[in-house]
Amino acid sequence: MYFYTATINSWQKLEYIHSNPCHERWKLATEPSKYYYSSALCYETELDDFKFLTQINETL
């Protein structure tokens, strides 16, 4: 049960982090993958331009 809850919680936090640059308060990007410093593009395309990102499902 703990693993399941931790996994759901981790994905929720990741979604929150990815959507932050798109928030109307910041307006840094129109969608998460368009923000250069976001890992959202890595999750969508599995391309890691930064060469140090790890997918969350690989660590849980």
C-alpha atoms as a PDB file:
ATOM      1  CA  MET A   1       0.000   0.000   0.000  1.00  0.00           C
ATOM      2  CA  TYR A   2       2.799   2.435   0.852  1.00  0.00           C
ATOM      3  CA  PHE A   3       4.547   1.893  -2.503  1.00  0.00           C
ATOM      4  CA  TYR A   4       1.310   2.549  -4.391  1.00  0.00           C
ATOM      5  CA  THR A   5       0.627   5.755  -2.433  1.00  0.00           C
ATOM      6  CA  ALA A   6       4.224   6.942  -2.854  1.00  0.00           C
ATOM      7  CA  THR A   7       4.043   6.315  -6.598  1.00  0.00           C
ATOM      8  CA  ILE A   8       0.779   8.244  -7.010  1.00  0.00           C
ATOM      9  CA  ASN A   9       2.108  11.071  -4.852  1.00  0.00           C
ATOM     10  CA  SER A  10       5.338  11.254  -6.859  1.00  0.00           C
ATOM     11  CA  TRP A  11       3.484  11.513 -10.170  1.00  0.00           C
ATOM     12  CA  GLN A  12       1.208  14.229  -8.743  1.00  0.00           C
ATOM     13  CA  LYS A  13       4.226  16.256  -7.610  1.00  0.00           C
ATOM     14  CA  LEU A  14       5.914  15.818 -10.970  1.00  0.00           C
ATOM     15  CA  GLU A  15       2.800  17.021 -12.766  1.00  0.00           C
ATOM     16  CA  TYR A  16       2.670  20.053 -10.467  1.00  0.00           C
ATOM     17  CA  ILE A  17       6.338  20.866 -11.150  1.00  0.00           C
ATOM     18  CA  HIS A  18       5.889  20.480 -14.894  1.00  0.00           C
ATOM     19  CA  SER A  19       2.833  22.718 -14.999  1.00  0.00           C
ATOM     20  CA  ASN A  20       4.368  25.506 -12.881  1.00  0.00           C
ATOM     21  CA  PRO A  21       6.023  27.407 -15.780  1.00  0.00           C
ATOM     22  CA  CYS A  22       2.644  27.473 -17.548  1.00  0.00           C
ATOM     23  CA  HIS A  23       0.808  28.980 -14.615  1.00  0.00           C
ATOM     24  CA  GLU A  24      -0.814  32.319 -15.405  1.00  0.00           C
ATOM     25  CA  ARG A  25       1.302  33.942 -12.700  1.00  0.00           C
ATOM     26  CA  TRP A  26       4.592  33.014 -14.420  1.00  0.00           C
ATOM     27  CA  LYS A  27       3.676  32.625 -18.100  1.00  0.00           C
ATOM     28  CA  LEU A  28       7.082  31.170 -18.937  1.00  0.00           C
ATOM     29  CA  ALA A  29       5.692  28.690 -21.469  1.00  0.00           C
ATOM     30  CA  THR A  30       2.454  27.744 -23.163  1.00  0.00           C
ATOM     31  CA  GLU A  31       2.890  24.063 -22.296  1.00  0.00           C
ATOM     32  CA  PRO A  32       5.278  22.188 -19.983  1.00  0.00           C
ATOM     33  CA  SER A  33       7.389  20.647 -22.745  1.00  0.00           C
ATOM     34  CA  LYS A  34       8.006  24.092 -24.282  1.00  0.00           C
ATOM     35  CA  TYR A  35       9.821  25.343 -21.157  1.00  0.00           C
ATOM     36  CA  TYR A  36      13.525  24.750 -21.789  1.00  0.00           C
ATOM     37  CA  TYR A  37      14.472  23.912 -18.185  1.00  0.00           C
ATOM     38  CA  SER A  38      11.621  21.444 -17.687  1.00  0.00           C
ATOM     39  CA  SER A  39      11.999  17.681 -17.710  1.00  0.00           C
ATOM     40  CA  ALA A  40       8.528  17.412 -19.286  1.00  0.00           C
ATOM     41  CA  LEU A  41       9.984  16.992 -22.766  1.00  0.00           C
ATOM     42  CA  CYS A  42      12.117  14.132 -21.473  1.00  0.00           C
ATOM     43  CA  TYR A  43       8.958  12.365 -20.271  1.00  0.00           C
ATOM     44  CA  GLU A  44       7.136  12.961 -23.549  1.00  0.00           C
ATOM     45  CA  THR A  45       9.925  12.020 -25.961  1.00  0.00           C
ATOM     46  CA  GLU A  46      12.477  10.190 -23.761  1.00  0.00           C
ATOM     47  CA  LEU A  47      15.145  12.567 -25.075  1.00  0.00           C
ATOM     48  CA  ASP A  48      17.441  13.937 -22.372  1.00  0.00           C
ATOM     49  CA  ASP A  49      19.167  17.097 -23.586  1.00  0.00           C
ATOM     50  CA  PHE A  50      20.637  17.628 -20.116  1.00  0.00           C
ATOM     51  CA  LYS A  51      22.258  14.157 -19.958  1.00  0.00           C
ATOM     52  CA  PHE A  52      21.468  13.651 -16.266  1.00  0.00           C
ATOM     53  CA  LEU A  53      17.703  13.138 -16.006  1.00  0.00           C
ATOM     54  CA  THR A  54      16.218   9.894 -14.726  1.00  0.00           C
ATOM     55  CA  GLN A  55      12.615   8.925 -15.380  1.00  0.00           C
ATOM     56  CA  ILE A  56      10.643   8.705 -12.135  1.00  0.00           C
ATOM     57  CA  ASN A  57       9.349   5.230 -12.997  1.00  0.00           C
ATOM     58  CA  GLU A  58      12.970   4.009 -13.114  1.00  0.00           C
ATOM     59  CA  THR A  59      13.550   5.030  -9.495  1.00  0.00           C
ATOM     60  CA  LEU A  60      10.315   3.853  -7.862  1.00  0.00           C
END
